[in-house]
Amino acid sequence: MRRSNALQGWAYGRSLRYGEVMGAGRGLGGAAASVAITGGLVGMLGALAFPPTRGLLDRVLPAPGTGPSGRVRERGWFRMVVDAVTEDKRRYRAVVSGRGDPGYAATAVMFSESAMALALDGDRLPDRAGSLTPATALGGVLVERLRAAGHTYEAAVHARTDR
């Protein structure tokens, strides 16, 4: 986000702040889930850093080159919600979603459509060169291609004003 903003001449403003969070639910269940997720990540990183436990994990974790079954890849999905507040306090919400396992099927669609945009839509791409982000290199052309491939990209004024 920050690099795209800078490459586009600060289109989102120079005071852009960006962060990511993962929802784990509300109440005690959400708190328990967030503790479990954090503990699991810390434990996994610790186990991978220590050679004896790393060797044990190599025996029980999926081997490189393997992944979820075709059925799991087909049944997967992803959904991201982006809440934004402009410098003049306008609120927007964008939702990006799609079918297919996000780590395998959906990512393959995104890579393929990016390649197709570069190969076939050069005349419609932004006039930029160098080390670019997908947003600055492919812009709306990629969004159009991903929508045609079944992904959803929506943005709207967010009605809530109590935050």
N, C-alpha and C. Protein backbone atom coordinates (compact mmCIF):
# COMPACT_ATOMS: atom_id res chain seq x y z
N MET A 1 0.83 -1.19 0.00
CA MET A 1 0.00 0.00 0.00
C MET A 1 0.88 1.26 0.00
N ARG A 2 1.85 1.30 0.90
CA ARG A 2 2.69 2.50 0.98
C ARG A 2 3.49 2.71 -0.30
N ARG A 3 4.02 1.62 -0.86
CA ARG A 3 4.80 1.77 -2.10
C ARG A 3 3.89 2.18 -3.26
N SER A 4 2.73 1.57 -3.38
CA SER A 4 1.80 1.96 -4.43
C SER A 4 1.43 3.43 -4.29
N ASN A 5 1.18 3.86 -3.07
CA ASN A 5 0.83 5.26 -2.82
C ASN A 5 1.94 6.18 -3.30
N ALA A 6 3.18 5.88 -2.94
CA ALA A 6 4.31 6.72 -3.35
C ALA A 6 4.48 6.71 -4.87
N LEU A 7 4.37 5.54 -5.49
CA LEU A 7 4.53 5.44 -6.94
C LEU A 7 3.44 6.17 -7.70
N GLN A 8 2.30 6.36 -7.07
CA GLN A 8 1.19 7.07 -7.73
C GLN A 8 1.12 8.53 -7.30
N GLY A 9 2.26 9.07 -6.86
CA GLY A 9 2.30 10.49 -6.52
C GLY A 9 1.49 10.83 -5.29
N TRP A 10 1.46 9.92 -4.32
CA TRP A 10 0.75 10.10 -3.05
C TRP A 10 -0.75 10.23 -3.28
N ALA A 11 -1.30 9.39 -4.16
CA ALA A 11 -2.73 9.42 -4.47
C ALA A 11 -3.60 9.22 -3.25
N TYR A 12 -3.09 8.50 -2.25
CA TYR A 12 -3.86 8.27 -1.02
C TYR A 12 -3.47 9.25 0.08
N GLY A 13 -2.63 10.23 -0.23
CA GLY A 13 -2.19 11.22 0.74
C GLY A 13 -0.86 10.84 1.38
N ARG A 14 -0.11 11.84 1.77
CA ARG A 14 1.20 11.59 2.38
C ARG A 14 1.09 11.06 3.81
N SER A 15 -0.05 11.20 4.41
CA SER A 15 -0.20 10.72 5.80
C SER A 15 -0.82 9.33 5.87
N LEU A 16 -0.79 8.58 4.76
CA LEU A 16 -1.36 7.23 4.73
C LEU A 16 -0.76 6.39 5.85
N ARG A 17 -1.63 5.73 6.59
CA ARG A 17 -1.22 4.73 7.57
C ARG A 17 -1.88 3.43 7.15
N TYR A 18 -1.14 2.34 7.25
CA TYR A 18 -1.64 1.05 6.79
C TYR A 18 -1.28 -0.01 7.82
N GLY A 19 -2.22 -0.87 8.11
CA GLY A 19 -1.98 -1.99 9.02
C GLY A 19 -2.91 -3.13 8.65
N GLU A 20 -2.56 -4.32 9.11
CA GLU A 20 -3.38 -5.50 8.84
C GLU A 20 -3.74 -6.17 10.15
N VAL A 21 -4.92 -6.73 10.20
CA VAL A 21 -5.38 -7.50 11.36
C VAL A 21 -6.10 -8.74 10.85
N MET A 22 -6.24 -9.69 11.74
CA MET A 22 -6.98 -10.91 11.42
C MET A 22 -8.09 -11.04 12.44
N GLY A 23 -9.32 -11.19 11.99
CA GLY A 23 -10.44 -11.36 12.90
C GLY A 23 -10.46 -12.75 13.50
N ALA A 24 -10.71 -12.82 14.80
CA ALA A 24 -10.78 -14.11 15.48
C ALA A 24 -12.11 -14.29 16.21
N GLY A 25 -13.03 -13.35 16.01
CA GLY A 25 -14.32 -13.43 16.67
C GLY A 25 -14.39 -12.52 17.88
N ARG A 26 -15.55 -12.47 18.49
CA ARG A 26 -15.79 -11.58 19.63
C ARG A 26 -15.88 -12.39 20.93
N GLY A 27 -15.81 -11.69 22.02
CA GLY A 27 -16.02 -12.30 23.33
C GLY A 27 -14.92 -13.26 23.73
N LEU A 28 -15.25 -14.13 24.68
CA LEU A 28 -14.28 -15.09 25.20
C LEU A 28 -13.79 -16.05 24.12
N GLY A 29 -14.68 -16.46 23.23
CA GLY A 29 -14.28 -17.36 22.15
C GLY A 29 -13.26 -16.70 21.24
N GLY A 30 -13.47 -15.43 20.91
CA GLY A 30 -12.52 -14.69 20.07
C GLY A 30 -11.19 -14.51 20.78
N ALA A 31 -11.24 -14.21 22.07
CA ALA A 31 -10.01 -14.05 22.85
C ALA A 31 -9.24 -15.37 22.89
N ALA A 32 -9.95 -16.47 23.12
CA ALA A 32 -9.30 -17.78 23.16
C ALA A 32 -8.70 -18.13 21.81
N ALA A 33 -9.43 -17.83 20.73
CA ALA A 33 -8.92 -18.12 19.39
C ALA A 33 -7.67 -17.30 19.10
N SER A 34 -7.66 -16.02 19.48
CA SER A 34 -6.49 -15.19 19.21
C SER A 34 -5.27 -15.66 20.01
N VAL A 35 -5.48 -16.10 21.26
CA VAL A 35 -4.38 -16.64 22.06
C VAL A 35 -3.86 -17.93 21.43
N ALA A 36 -4.77 -18.79 20.98
CA ALA A 36 -4.36 -20.05 20.35
C ALA A 36 -3.60 -19.80 19.06
N ILE A 37 -4.06 -18.89 18.24
CA ILE A 37 -3.38 -18.58 16.98
C ILE A 37 -1.99 -18.02 17.25
N THR A 38 -1.91 -17.05 18.16
CA THR A 38 -0.61 -16.45 18.49
C THR A 38 0.33 -17.48 19.09
N GLY A 39 -0.18 -18.28 20.03
CA GLY A 39 0.64 -19.32 20.64
C GLY A 39 1.12 -20.35 19.63
N GLY A 40 0.24 -20.72 18.72
CA GLY A 40 0.61 -21.68 17.68
C GLY A 40 1.70 -21.15 16.77
N LEU A 41 1.58 -19.88 16.37
CA LEU A 41 2.59 -19.27 15.51
C LEU A 41 3.94 -19.17 16.21
N VAL A 42 3.92 -18.71 17.47
CA VAL A 42 5.16 -18.59 18.24
C VAL A 42 5.78 -19.98 18.44
N GLY A 43 4.96 -20.95 18.79
CA GLY A 43 5.46 -22.31 18.98
C GLY A 43 6.06 -22.89 17.71
N MET A 44 5.41 -22.67 16.58
CA MET A 44 5.91 -23.18 15.31
C MET A 44 7.23 -22.52 14.95
N LEU A 45 7.32 -21.21 15.11
CA LEU A 45 8.58 -20.52 14.81
C LEU A 45 9.70 -21.02 15.72
N GLY A 46 9.39 -21.19 16.99
CA GLY A 46 10.38 -21.71 17.94
C GLY A 46 10.82 -23.12 17.56
N ALA A 47 9.87 -23.96 17.21
CA ALA A 47 10.20 -25.35 16.84
C ALA A 47 11.03 -25.40 15.56
N LEU A 48 10.75 -24.51 14.62
CA LEU A 48 11.52 -24.50 13.37
C LEU A 48 12.94 -23.96 13.59
N ALA A 49 13.12 -23.13 14.61
CA ALA A 49 14.44 -22.55 14.88
C ALA A 49 15.36 -23.52 15.61
N PHE A 50 14.85 -24.55 16.22
CA PHE A 50 15.63 -25.48 17.03
C PHE A 50 15.82 -26.77 16.24
N PRO A 51 17.05 -27.14 15.87
CA PRO A 51 17.28 -28.28 14.96
C PRO A 51 16.60 -29.59 15.35
N PRO A 52 16.61 -30.04 16.60
CA PRO A 52 15.94 -31.32 16.88
C PRO A 52 14.43 -31.30 16.61
N THR A 53 13.77 -30.21 16.98
CA THR A 53 12.32 -30.15 16.72
C THR A 53 12.04 -29.89 15.25
N ARG A 54 12.93 -29.18 14.57
CA ARG A 54 12.76 -28.97 13.13
C ARG A 54 12.79 -30.31 12.42
N GLY A 55 13.69 -31.21 12.81
CA GLY A 55 13.76 -32.54 12.21
C GLY A 55 12.48 -33.33 12.44
N LEU A 56 11.92 -33.20 13.65
CA LEU A 56 10.65 -33.88 13.95
C LEU A 56 9.52 -33.30 13.09
N LEU A 57 9.47 -31.98 12.96
CA LEU A 57 8.43 -31.35 12.13
C LEU A 57 8.57 -31.77 10.67
N ASP A 58 9.80 -31.94 10.21
CA ASP A 58 10.00 -32.39 8.82
C ASP A 58 9.34 -33.74 8.58
N ARG A 59 9.25 -34.56 9.61
CA ARG A 59 8.64 -35.89 9.46
C ARG A 59 7.11 -35.84 9.45
N VAL A 60 6.52 -34.85 10.11
CA VAL A 60 5.06 -34.83 10.25
C VAL A 60 4.37 -33.78 9.37
N LEU A 61 5.09 -32.75 8.96
CA LEU A 61 4.47 -31.73 8.11
C LEU A 61 4.48 -32.18 6.65
N PRO A 62 3.60 -31.61 5.81
CA PRO A 62 3.59 -31.98 4.39
C PRO A 62 4.96 -31.73 3.75
N ALA A 63 5.34 -32.60 2.86
CA ALA A 63 6.62 -32.48 2.15
C ALA A 63 6.55 -31.34 1.15
N PRO A 64 7.69 -30.72 0.84
CA PRO A 64 7.71 -29.69 -0.20
C PRO A 64 7.13 -30.24 -1.50
N GLY A 65 6.37 -29.41 -2.18
CA GLY A 65 5.76 -29.83 -3.44
C GLY A 65 4.39 -30.46 -3.28
N THR A 66 3.97 -30.70 -2.04
CA THR A 66 2.63 -31.24 -1.82
C THR A 66 1.73 -30.09 -1.38
N GLY A 67 0.48 -30.30 -1.42
CA GLY A 67 -0.47 -29.28 -1.02
C GLY A 67 -1.83 -29.89 -0.82
N PRO A 68 -2.83 -29.05 -0.69
CA PRO A 68 -4.18 -29.57 -0.47
C PRO A 68 -4.70 -30.32 -1.70
N SER A 69 -5.66 -31.20 -1.44
CA SER A 69 -6.27 -31.96 -2.53
C SER A 69 -7.04 -31.04 -3.46
N GLY A 70 -7.36 -31.56 -4.63
CA GLY A 70 -8.16 -30.78 -5.58
C GLY A 70 -9.48 -30.34 -4.99
N ARG A 71 -10.10 -31.20 -4.21
CA ARG A 71 -11.39 -30.85 -3.60
C ARG A 71 -11.23 -29.69 -2.62
N VAL A 72 -10.18 -29.74 -1.81
CA VAL A 72 -9.93 -28.66 -0.86
C VAL A 72 -9.63 -27.36 -1.60
N ARG A 73 -8.85 -27.43 -2.66
CA ARG A 73 -8.54 -26.22 -3.44
C ARG A 73 -9.79 -25.62 -4.04
N GLU A 74 -10.69 -26.47 -4.54
CA GLU A 74 -11.95 -25.98 -5.13
C GLU A 74 -12.88 -25.37 -4.09
N ARG A 75 -12.95 -25.98 -2.91
CA ARG A 75 -13.90 -25.54 -1.90
C ARG A 75 -13.41 -24.34 -1.09
N GLY A 76 -12.15 -23.99 -1.23
CA GLY A 76 -11.60 -22.87 -0.47
C GLY A 76 -12.15 -21.54 -0.96
N TRP A 77 -11.87 -20.50 -0.21
CA TRP A 77 -12.30 -19.16 -0.57
C TRP A 77 -11.49 -18.15 0.25
N PHE A 78 -11.58 -16.90 -0.14
CA PHE A 78 -10.96 -15.84 0.64
C PHE A 78 -11.86 -14.61 0.63
N ARG A 79 -11.71 -13.79 1.64
CA ARG A 79 -12.47 -12.54 1.74
C ARG A 79 -11.65 -11.57 2.57
N MET A 80 -11.40 -10.40 2.03
CA MET A 80 -10.69 -9.35 2.75
C MET A 80 -11.59 -8.12 2.79
N VAL A 81 -11.65 -7.49 3.94
CA VAL A 81 -12.42 -6.26 4.11
C VAL A 81 -11.44 -5.16 4.44
N VAL A 82 -11.50 -4.07 3.70
CA VAL A 82 -10.62 -2.94 3.92
C VAL A 82 -11.48 -1.75 4.34
N ASP A 83 -11.23 -1.24 5.53
CA ASP A 83 -11.90 -0.03 5.99
C ASP A 83 -10.91 1.11 5.89
N ALA A 84 -11.34 2.22 5.29
CA ALA A 84 -10.45 3.36 5.09
C ALA A 84 -11.15 4.64 5.53
N VAL A 85 -10.37 5.55 6.08
CA VAL A 85 -10.84 6.88 6.46
C VAL A 85 -9.92 7.88 5.79
N THR A 86 -10.51 8.82 5.05
CA THR A 86 -9.71 9.82 4.36
C THR A 86 -9.32 10.94 5.33
N GLU A 87 -8.41 11.81 4.88
CA GLU A 87 -7.98 12.92 5.72
C GLU A 87 -9.15 13.82 6.09
N ASP A 88 -10.15 13.91 5.21
CA ASP A 88 -11.33 14.73 5.54
C ASP A 88 -12.45 13.89 6.17
N LYS A 89 -12.07 12.73 6.74
CA LYS A 89 -12.94 11.88 7.57
C LYS A 89 -14.02 11.11 6.80
N ARG A 90 -13.94 11.05 5.46
CA ARG A 90 -14.87 10.20 4.73
C ARG A 90 -14.44 8.75 4.93
N ARG A 91 -15.43 7.86 5.05
CA ARG A 91 -15.15 6.45 5.30
C ARG A 91 -15.55 5.62 4.10
N TYR A 92 -14.69 4.67 3.79
CA TYR A 92 -14.94 3.76 2.67
C TYR A 92 -14.70 2.33 3.13
N ARG A 93 -15.37 1.43 2.49
CA ARG A 93 -15.14 0.00 2.73
C ARG A 93 -14.99 -0.68 1.38
N ALA A 94 -13.95 -1.48 1.26
CA ALA A 94 -13.73 -2.28 0.06
C ALA A 94 -13.74 -3.74 0.47
N VAL A 95 -14.32 -4.57 -0.37
CA VAL A 95 -14.36 -6.01 -0.12
C VAL A 95 -13.77 -6.70 -1.35
N VAL A 96 -12.80 -7.57 -1.09
CA VAL A 96 -12.17 -8.37 -2.13
C VAL A 96 -12.40 -9.82 -1.74
N SER A 97 -12.95 -10.60 -2.66
CA SER A 97 -13.22 -12.00 -2.34
C SER A 97 -13.14 -12.84 -3.60
N GLY A 98 -13.03 -14.13 -3.38
CA GLY A 98 -13.01 -15.04 -4.50
C GLY A 98 -13.08 -16.49 -4.04
N ARG A 99 -13.34 -17.34 -4.99
CA ARG A 99 -13.42 -18.79 -4.74
C ARG A 99 -12.06 -19.41 -4.97
N GLY A 100 -11.86 -20.53 -4.34
CA GLY A 100 -10.62 -21.28 -4.49
C GLY A 100 -9.70 -21.05 -3.32
N ASP A 101 -8.98 -22.09 -2.93
CA ASP A 101 -8.03 -21.99 -1.83
C ASP A 101 -7.11 -20.79 -2.08
N PRO A 102 -7.01 -19.87 -1.11
CA PRO A 102 -6.23 -18.65 -1.35
C PRO A 102 -4.74 -18.91 -1.55
N GLY A 103 -4.20 -19.97 -0.97
CA GLY A 103 -2.78 -20.25 -1.12
C GLY A 103 -2.42 -20.99 -2.39
N TYR A 104 -3.39 -21.55 -3.06
CA TYR A 104 -3.12 -22.35 -4.25
C TYR A 104 -3.99 -21.91 -5.42
N ALA A 105 -5.27 -22.19 -5.38
CA ALA A 105 -6.14 -21.95 -6.54
C ALA A 105 -6.30 -20.46 -6.84
N ALA A 106 -6.68 -19.66 -5.86
CA ALA A 106 -6.91 -18.24 -6.11
C ALA A 106 -5.62 -17.53 -6.50
N THR A 107 -4.53 -17.89 -5.86
CA THR A 107 -3.24 -17.27 -6.19
C THR A 107 -2.84 -17.61 -7.62
N ALA A 108 -3.09 -18.84 -8.05
CA ALA A 108 -2.78 -19.23 -9.43
C ALA A 108 -3.57 -18.39 -10.42
N VAL A 109 -4.82 -18.11 -10.10
CA VAL A 109 -5.65 -17.26 -10.96
C VAL A 109 -5.05 -15.85 -11.01
N MET A 110 -4.66 -15.33 -9.85
CA MET A 110 -4.09 -13.98 -9.81
C MET A 110 -2.80 -13.88 -10.62
N PHE A 111 -1.91 -14.86 -10.47
CA PHE A 111 -0.67 -14.87 -11.25
C PHE A 111 -0.96 -14.99 -12.74
N SER A 112 -1.86 -15.89 -13.10
CA SER A 112 -2.17 -16.12 -14.50
C SER A 112 -2.77 -14.88 -15.14
N GLU A 113 -3.71 -14.26 -14.46
CA GLU A 113 -4.33 -13.05 -15.02
C GLU A 113 -3.34 -11.89 -15.09
N SER A 114 -2.41 -11.83 -14.15
CA SER A 114 -1.35 -10.81 -14.22
C SER A 114 -0.49 -11.03 -15.47
N ALA A 115 -0.11 -12.29 -15.70
CA ALA A 115 0.69 -12.62 -16.89
C ALA A 115 -0.08 -12.30 -18.17
N MET A 116 -1.36 -12.63 -18.19
CA MET A 116 -2.18 -12.35 -19.38
C MET A 116 -2.29 -10.85 -19.62
N ALA A 117 -2.43 -10.07 -18.56
CA ALA A 117 -2.50 -8.62 -18.71
C ALA A 117 -1.20 -8.09 -19.30
N LEU A 118 -0.06 -8.58 -18.80
CA LEU A 118 1.23 -8.13 -19.34
C LEU A 118 1.39 -8.55 -20.80
N ALA A 119 0.96 -9.76 -21.14
CA ALA A 119 1.15 -10.28 -22.49
C ALA A 119 0.18 -9.69 -23.51
N LEU A 120 -1.06 -9.46 -23.09
CA LEU A 120 -2.10 -9.11 -24.07
C LEU A 120 -2.65 -7.69 -23.95
N ASP A 121 -2.45 -7.04 -22.83
CA ASP A 121 -3.10 -5.74 -22.61
C ASP A 121 -2.12 -4.59 -22.45
N GLY A 122 -0.92 -4.72 -23.02
CA GLY A 122 0.10 -3.70 -22.86
C GLY A 122 -0.35 -2.30 -23.22
N ASP A 123 -1.20 -2.18 -24.24
CA ASP A 123 -1.67 -0.86 -24.65
C ASP A 123 -2.62 -0.23 -23.65
N ARG A 124 -3.17 -1.02 -22.73
CA ARG A 124 -4.12 -0.48 -21.74
C ARG A 124 -3.48 -0.32 -20.36
N LEU A 125 -2.22 -0.72 -20.21
CA LEU A 125 -1.56 -0.64 -18.91
C LEU A 125 -1.03 0.76 -18.64
N PRO A 126 -0.90 1.11 -17.36
CA PRO A 126 -0.33 2.42 -17.02
C PRO A 126 1.07 2.58 -17.62
N ASP A 127 1.42 3.80 -17.98
CA ASP A 127 2.72 4.09 -18.58
C ASP A 127 3.76 4.27 -17.47
N ARG A 128 4.25 3.14 -16.96
CA ARG A 128 5.24 3.15 -15.89
C ARG A 128 6.27 2.07 -16.16
N ALA A 129 7.43 2.22 -15.54
CA ALA A 129 8.48 1.21 -15.65
C ALA A 129 9.23 1.13 -14.34
N GLY A 130 9.94 0.04 -14.13
CA GLY A 130 10.74 -0.13 -12.93
C GLY A 130 10.17 -1.20 -12.03
N SER A 131 10.54 -1.16 -10.77
CA SER A 131 10.04 -2.11 -9.77
C SER A 131 8.70 -1.61 -9.26
N LEU A 132 7.64 -2.18 -9.78
CA LEU A 132 6.28 -1.69 -9.50
C LEU A 132 5.50 -2.69 -8.68
N THR A 133 4.43 -2.22 -8.08
CA THR A 133 3.47 -3.09 -7.41
C THR A 133 2.42 -3.50 -8.43
N PRO A 134 1.64 -4.56 -8.16
CA PRO A 134 0.57 -4.91 -9.10
C PRO A 134 -0.39 -3.75 -9.37
N ALA A 135 -0.70 -2.97 -8.35
CA ALA A 135 -1.63 -1.85 -8.53
C ALA A 135 -1.07 -0.81 -9.48
N THR A 136 0.23 -0.52 -9.40
CA THR A 136 0.80 0.51 -10.26
C THR A 136 1.18 -0.02 -11.63
N ALA A 137 1.51 -1.31 -11.75
CA ALA A 137 1.89 -1.88 -13.04
C ALA A 137 0.70 -2.29 -13.88
N LEU A 138 -0.35 -2.80 -13.22
CA LEU A 138 -1.47 -3.39 -13.95
C LEU A 138 -2.79 -2.66 -13.74
N GLY A 139 -2.90 -1.92 -12.66
CA GLY A 139 -4.07 -1.08 -12.39
C GLY A 139 -5.40 -1.76 -12.61
N GLY A 140 -6.32 -1.02 -13.21
CA GLY A 140 -7.67 -1.49 -13.45
C GLY A 140 -7.76 -2.66 -14.41
N VAL A 141 -6.75 -2.83 -15.27
CA VAL A 141 -6.76 -3.94 -16.21
C VAL A 141 -6.78 -5.27 -15.44
N LEU A 142 -5.95 -5.37 -14.41
CA LEU A 142 -5.93 -6.60 -13.61
C LEU A 142 -7.24 -6.80 -12.88
N VAL A 143 -7.81 -5.74 -12.33
CA VAL A 143 -9.09 -5.85 -11.64
C VAL A 143 -10.16 -6.37 -12.60
N GLU A 144 -10.21 -5.84 -13.81
CA GLU A 144 -11.18 -6.31 -14.81
C GLU A 144 -10.99 -7.80 -15.08
N ARG A 145 -9.74 -8.22 -15.26
CA ARG A 145 -9.47 -9.63 -15.55
C ARG A 145 -9.86 -10.53 -14.38
N LEU A 146 -9.55 -10.10 -13.16
CA LEU A 146 -9.89 -10.91 -12.00
C LEU A 146 -11.40 -10.97 -11.78
N ARG A 147 -12.09 -9.89 -12.04
CA ARG A 147 -13.57 -9.93 -11.97
C ARG A 147 -14.12 -10.92 -12.97
N ALA A 148 -13.58 -10.90 -14.19
CA ALA A 148 -14.04 -11.84 -15.22
C ALA A 148 -13.74 -13.28 -14.82
N ALA A 149 -12.70 -13.47 -14.00
CA ALA A 149 -12.34 -14.81 -13.54
C ALA A 149 -13.12 -15.23 -12.29
N GLY A 150 -14.03 -14.37 -11.82
CA GLY A 150 -14.89 -14.73 -10.70
C GLY A 150 -14.56 -14.08 -9.37
N HIS A 151 -13.55 -13.25 -9.32
CA HIS A 151 -13.25 -12.54 -8.07
C HIS A 151 -14.13 -11.31 -7.94
N THR A 152 -14.34 -10.88 -6.73
CA THR A 152 -15.17 -9.71 -6.46
C THR A 152 -14.31 -8.57 -5.92
N TYR A 153 -14.49 -7.40 -6.47
CA TYR A 153 -13.82 -6.18 -6.00
C TYR A 153 -14.89 -5.12 -5.91
N GLU A 154 -15.24 -4.74 -4.69
CA GLU A 154 -16.29 -3.75 -4.47
C GLU A 154 -15.78 -2.67 -3.54
N ALA A 155 -16.18 -1.45 -3.77
CA ALA A 155 -15.85 -0.35 -2.87
C ALA A 155 -17.09 0.53 -2.74
N ALA A 156 -17.34 1.01 -1.53
CA ALA A 156 -18.51 1.83 -1.29
C ALA A 156 -18.24 2.77 -0.13
N VAL A 157 -19.02 3.84 -0.08
CA VAL A 157 -18.97 4.73 1.07
C VAL A 157 -19.48 3.95 2.25
N HIS A 158 -18.76 3.99 3.32
CA HIS A 158 -19.12 3.26 4.54
C HIS A 158 -20.02 4.16 5.38
N ALA A 159 -21.21 3.70 5.68
CA ALA A 159 -22.21 4.52 6.36
C ALA A 159 -21.91 4.76 7.82
N ARG A 160 -21.17 3.88 8.48
CA ARG A 160 -20.94 4.06 9.92
C ARG A 160 -20.09 5.29 10.18
N THR A 161 -20.53 6.07 11.14
CA THR A 161 -19.79 7.29 11.49
C THR A 161 -19.44 7.31 12.98
N ASP A 162 -19.65 6.20 13.70
CA ASP A 162 -19.44 6.19 15.14
C ASP A 162 -18.05 5.74 15.54
N ARG A 163 -17.13 5.61 14.61
CA ARG A 163 -15.78 5.16 14.97
C ARG A 163 -14.85 6.33 15.02
